[in-house]
Amino acid sequence: MREKLINWLIKKLKVNTNKVSDGYHTFEELYEHRIELWIAFCKTNQFRAWKSRRHSDGSKWKGWFILGFDTEAGRQKTYHLPNKYWKRLPNTIAINTAPEWDGHTPNDVLERLKDL
């Protein structure tokens, strides 16, 4: 219940959630860490990472691209990243459209990463 109230207040007061902190890190800092870790992980090329500006149906999110890899059929691991990171991955395979999304959720990605 408290979380719903806090989220409602954040929205109502138009709080910049990037600046919200747990007392140690802001959401902005944690998101930046996640991006850098994902880039470093994909750069290992152990899993033949790919990047694409378009989803499998040709749609795209303005200002974003998809960085991901598959370890086996139906086991995608992907994140959307801001376009400013595209050039940081010069050796990653750039494809016209991403593979068809297998329906994975953020929780699925976490579990799939644990299985590596």
C-alpha atoms as a PDB file:
ATOM      1  CA  MET A   1       0.000   0.000   0.000  1.00  0.00           C
ATOM      2  CA  ARG A   2       2.772   2.454   0.876  1.00  0.00           C
ATOM      3  CA  GLU A   3       4.514   1.753  -2.414  1.00  0.00           C
ATOM      4  CA  LYS A   4       1.339   2.619  -4.338  1.00  0.00           C
ATOM      5  CA  LEU A   5       1.033   5.880  -2.409  1.00  0.00           C
ATOM      6  CA  ILE A   6       4.690   6.746  -3.005  1.00  0.00           C
ATOM      7  CA  ASN A   7       4.376   5.988  -6.724  1.00  0.00           C
ATOM      8  CA  TRP A   8       1.190   8.061  -6.899  1.00  0.00           C
ATOM      9  CA  LEU A   9       2.952  10.988  -5.161  1.00  0.00           C
ATOM     10  CA  ILE A  10       5.949  10.741  -7.490  1.00  0.00           C
ATOM     11  CA  LYS A  11       3.642  10.923 -10.496  1.00  0.00           C
ATOM     12  CA  LYS A  12       1.428  13.652  -9.015  1.00  0.00           C
ATOM     13  CA  LEU A  13       4.399  15.824  -7.974  1.00  0.00           C
ATOM     14  CA  LYS A  14       6.221  15.126 -11.262  1.00  0.00           C
ATOM     15  CA  VAL A  15       9.345  13.999  -9.425  1.00  0.00           C
ATOM     16  CA  ASN A  16      12.397  13.324 -11.592  1.00  0.00           C
ATOM     17  CA  THR A  17      12.791   9.661 -10.660  1.00  0.00           C
ATOM     18  CA  ASN A  18      16.359   9.635 -12.008  1.00  0.00           C
ATOM     19  CA  LYS A  19      17.315  11.656  -8.938  1.00  0.00           C
ATOM     20  CA  VAL A  20      15.519   9.440  -6.406  1.00  0.00           C
ATOM     21  CA  SER A  21      18.018   7.670  -4.143  1.00  0.00           C
ATOM     22  CA  ASP A  22      18.091   4.743  -1.767  1.00  0.00           C
ATOM     23  CA  GLY A  23      20.631   6.685   0.273  1.00  0.00           C
ATOM     24  CA  TYR A  24      23.573   5.292  -1.681  1.00  0.00           C
ATOM     25  CA  HIS A  25      22.750   5.514  -5.404  1.00  0.00           C
ATOM     26  CA  THR A  26      20.218   7.312  -7.555  1.00  0.00           C
ATOM     27  CA  PHE A  27      18.091   5.447 -10.083  1.00  0.00           C
ATOM     28  CA  GLU A  28      20.088   7.282 -12.753  1.00  0.00           C
ATOM     29  CA  GLU A  29      23.376   5.901 -11.388  1.00  0.00           C
ATOM     30  CA  LEU A  30      22.016   2.366 -11.105  1.00  0.00           C
ATOM     31  CA  TYR A  31      20.615   2.481 -14.644  1.00  0.00           C
ATOM     32  CA  GLU A  32      23.981   3.693 -15.949  1.00  0.00           C
ATOM     33  CA  HIS A  33      25.686   0.809 -14.152  1.00  0.00           C
ATOM     34  CA  ARG A  34      23.256  -1.682 -15.696  1.00  0.00           C
ATOM     35  CA  ILE A  35      23.911  -0.294 -19.172  1.00  0.00           C
ATOM     36  CA  GLU A  36      27.690  -0.449 -18.740  1.00  0.00           C
ATOM     37  CA  LEU A  37      27.554  -3.974 -17.339  1.00  0.00           C
ATOM     38  CA  TRP A  38      25.310  -5.136 -20.204  1.00  0.00           C
ATOM     39  CA  ILE A  39      27.625  -3.575 -22.803  1.00  0.00           C
ATOM     40  CA  ALA A  40      30.693  -5.174 -21.179  1.00  0.00           C
ATOM     41  CA  PHE A  41      28.952  -8.533 -21.035  1.00  0.00           C
ATOM     42  CA  CYS A  42      27.838  -8.399 -24.677  1.00  0.00           C
ATOM     43  CA  LYS A  43      31.283  -7.239 -25.836  1.00  0.00           C
ATOM     44  CA  THR A  44      32.770 -10.548 -24.728  1.00  0.00           C
ATOM     45  CA  ASN A  45      31.215 -11.968 -27.929  1.00  0.00           C
ATOM     46  CA  GLN A  46      30.951 -15.272 -26.121  1.00  0.00           C
ATOM     47  CA  PHE A  47      27.286 -15.343 -27.110  1.00  0.00           C
ATOM     48  CA  ARG A  48      27.429 -13.538 -30.482  1.00  0.00           C
ATOM     49  CA  ALA A  49      25.589 -10.419 -29.391  1.00  0.00           C
ATOM     50  CA  TRP A  50      23.571  -8.436 -31.923  1.00  0.00           C
ATOM     51  CA  LYS A  51      22.135  -4.938 -32.039  1.00  0.00           C
ATOM     52  CA  SER A  52      19.233  -3.509 -33.994  1.00  0.00           C
ATOM     53  CA  ARG A  53      17.349  -0.233 -34.187  1.00  0.00           C
ATOM     54  CA  ARG A  54      14.176  -2.048 -35.225  1.00  0.00           C
ATOM     55  CA  HIS A  55      11.988  -4.734 -33.705  1.00  0.00           C
ATOM     56  CA  SER A  56      11.154  -7.813 -35.800  1.00  0.00           C
ATOM     57  CA  ASP A  57       7.962  -6.136 -37.073  1.00  0.00           C
ATOM     58  CA  GLY A  58       9.942  -3.088 -38.273  1.00  0.00           C
ATOM     59  CA  SER A  59       8.788  -0.791 -35.463  1.00  0.00           C
ATOM     60  CA  LYS A  60      11.255   1.077 -33.302  1.00  0.00           C
ATOM     61  CA  TRP A  61      11.487   3.264 -30.224  1.00  0.00           C
ATOM     62  CA  LYS A  62      12.779   6.691 -31.130  1.00  0.00           C
ATOM     63  CA  GLY A  63      16.204   7.222 -29.569  1.00  0.00           C
ATOM     64  CA  TRP A  64      16.688   3.566 -28.561  1.00  0.00           C
ATOM     65  CA  PHE A  65      18.118   0.314 -29.921  1.00  0.00           C
ATOM     66  CA  ILE A  66      18.004  -3.319 -28.807  1.00  0.00           C
ATOM     67  CA  LEU A  67      21.146  -5.126 -27.649  1.00  0.00           C
ATOM     68  CA  GLY A  68      20.814  -8.830 -27.075  1.00  0.00           C
ATOM     69  CA  PHE A  69      21.844 -12.387 -27.732  1.00  0.00           C
ATOM     70  CA  ASP A  70      20.369 -15.880 -27.830  1.00  0.00           C
ATOM     71  CA  THR A  71      22.050 -18.872 -26.259  1.00  0.00           C
ATOM     72  CA  GLU A  72      19.490 -21.246 -27.698  1.00  0.00           C
ATOM     73  CA  ALA A  73      16.149 -21.025 -29.492  1.00  0.00           C
ATOM     74  CA  GLY A  74      13.594 -19.161 -27.420  1.00  0.00           C
ATOM     75  CA  ARG A  75      16.099 -18.008 -24.791  1.00  0.00           C
ATOM     76  CA  GLN A  76      16.648 -14.352 -25.643  1.00  0.00           C
ATOM     77  CA  LYS A  77      18.305 -11.857 -23.362  1.00  0.00           C
ATOM     78  CA  THR A  78      17.718  -8.262 -24.469  1.00  0.00           C
ATOM     79  CA  TYR A  79      17.654  -4.707 -23.223  1.00  0.00           C
ATOM     80  CA  HIS A  80      16.795  -1.448 -24.941  1.00  0.00           C
ATOM     81  CA  LEU A  81      19.642   1.077 -24.733  1.00  0.00           C
ATOM     82  CA  PRO A  82      19.777   4.775 -25.652  1.00  0.00           C
ATOM     83  CA  ASN A  83      21.225   5.387 -29.131  1.00  0.00           C
ATOM     84  CA  LYS A  84      24.245   7.193 -27.668  1.00  0.00           C
ATOM     85  CA  TYR A  85      25.700   3.745 -26.839  1.00  0.00           C
ATOM     86  CA  TRP A  86      25.427   2.316 -30.398  1.00  0.00           C
ATOM     87  CA  LYS A  87      28.993   3.267 -31.373  1.00  0.00           C
ATOM     88  CA  ARG A  88      30.366   1.708 -28.194  1.00  0.00           C
ATOM     89  CA  LEU A  89      29.673  -1.681 -29.795  1.00  0.00           C
ATOM     90  CA  PRO A  90      31.584  -1.544 -33.116  1.00  0.00           C
ATOM     91  CA  ASN A  91      32.251  -5.302 -33.241  1.00  0.00           C
ATOM     92  CA  THR A  92      28.698  -6.322 -32.389  1.00  0.00           C
ATOM     93  CA  ILE A  93      26.670  -7.654 -35.310  1.00  0.00           C
ATOM     94  CA  ALA A  94      24.258  -4.938 -36.513  1.00  0.00           C
ATOM     95  CA  ILE A  95      21.099  -6.441 -37.986  1.00  0.00           C
ATOM     96  CA  ASN A  96      18.241  -4.700 -39.821  1.00  0.00           C
ATOM     97  CA  THR A  97      15.549  -6.083 -37.538  1.00  0.00           C
ATOM     98  CA  ALA A  98      15.831  -7.870 -34.221  1.00  0.00           C
ATOM     99  CA  PRO A  99      14.845 -11.529 -34.014  1.00  0.00           C
ATOM    100  CA  GLU A 100      11.190 -12.102 -33.248  1.00  0.00           C
ATOM    101  CA  TRP A 101      10.570 -11.401 -29.568  1.00  0.00           C
ATOM    102  CA  ASP A 102       9.992 -14.644 -27.667  1.00  0.00           C
ATOM    103  CA  GLY A 103       7.736 -12.946 -25.113  1.00  0.00           C
ATOM    104  CA  HIS A 104      10.360 -12.784 -22.374  1.00  0.00           C
ATOM    105  CA  THR A 105       9.761 -10.555 -19.388  1.00  0.00           C
ATOM    106  CA  PRO A 106      12.352  -8.729 -17.271  1.00  0.00           C
ATOM    107  CA  ASN A 107      12.080 -11.574 -14.754  1.00  0.00           C
ATOM    108  CA  ASP A 108      12.687 -14.116 -17.537  1.00  0.00           C
ATOM    109  CA  VAL A 109      15.891 -12.287 -18.479  1.00  0.00           C
ATOM    110  CA  LEU A 110      17.068 -12.428 -14.865  1.00  0.00           C
ATOM    111  CA  GLU A 111      16.406 -16.156 -14.669  1.00  0.00           C
ATOM    112  CA  ARG A 112      18.068 -16.777 -18.054  1.00  0.00           C
ATOM    113  CA  LEU A 113      21.146 -14.851 -16.993  1.00  0.00           C
ATOM    114  CA  LYS A 114      21.349 -16.954 -13.838  1.00  0.00           C
ATOM    115  CA  ASP A 115      21.297 -20.085 -16.016  1.00  0.00           C
ATOM    116  CA  LEU A 116      24.395 -19.080 -17.998  1.00  0.00           C
END
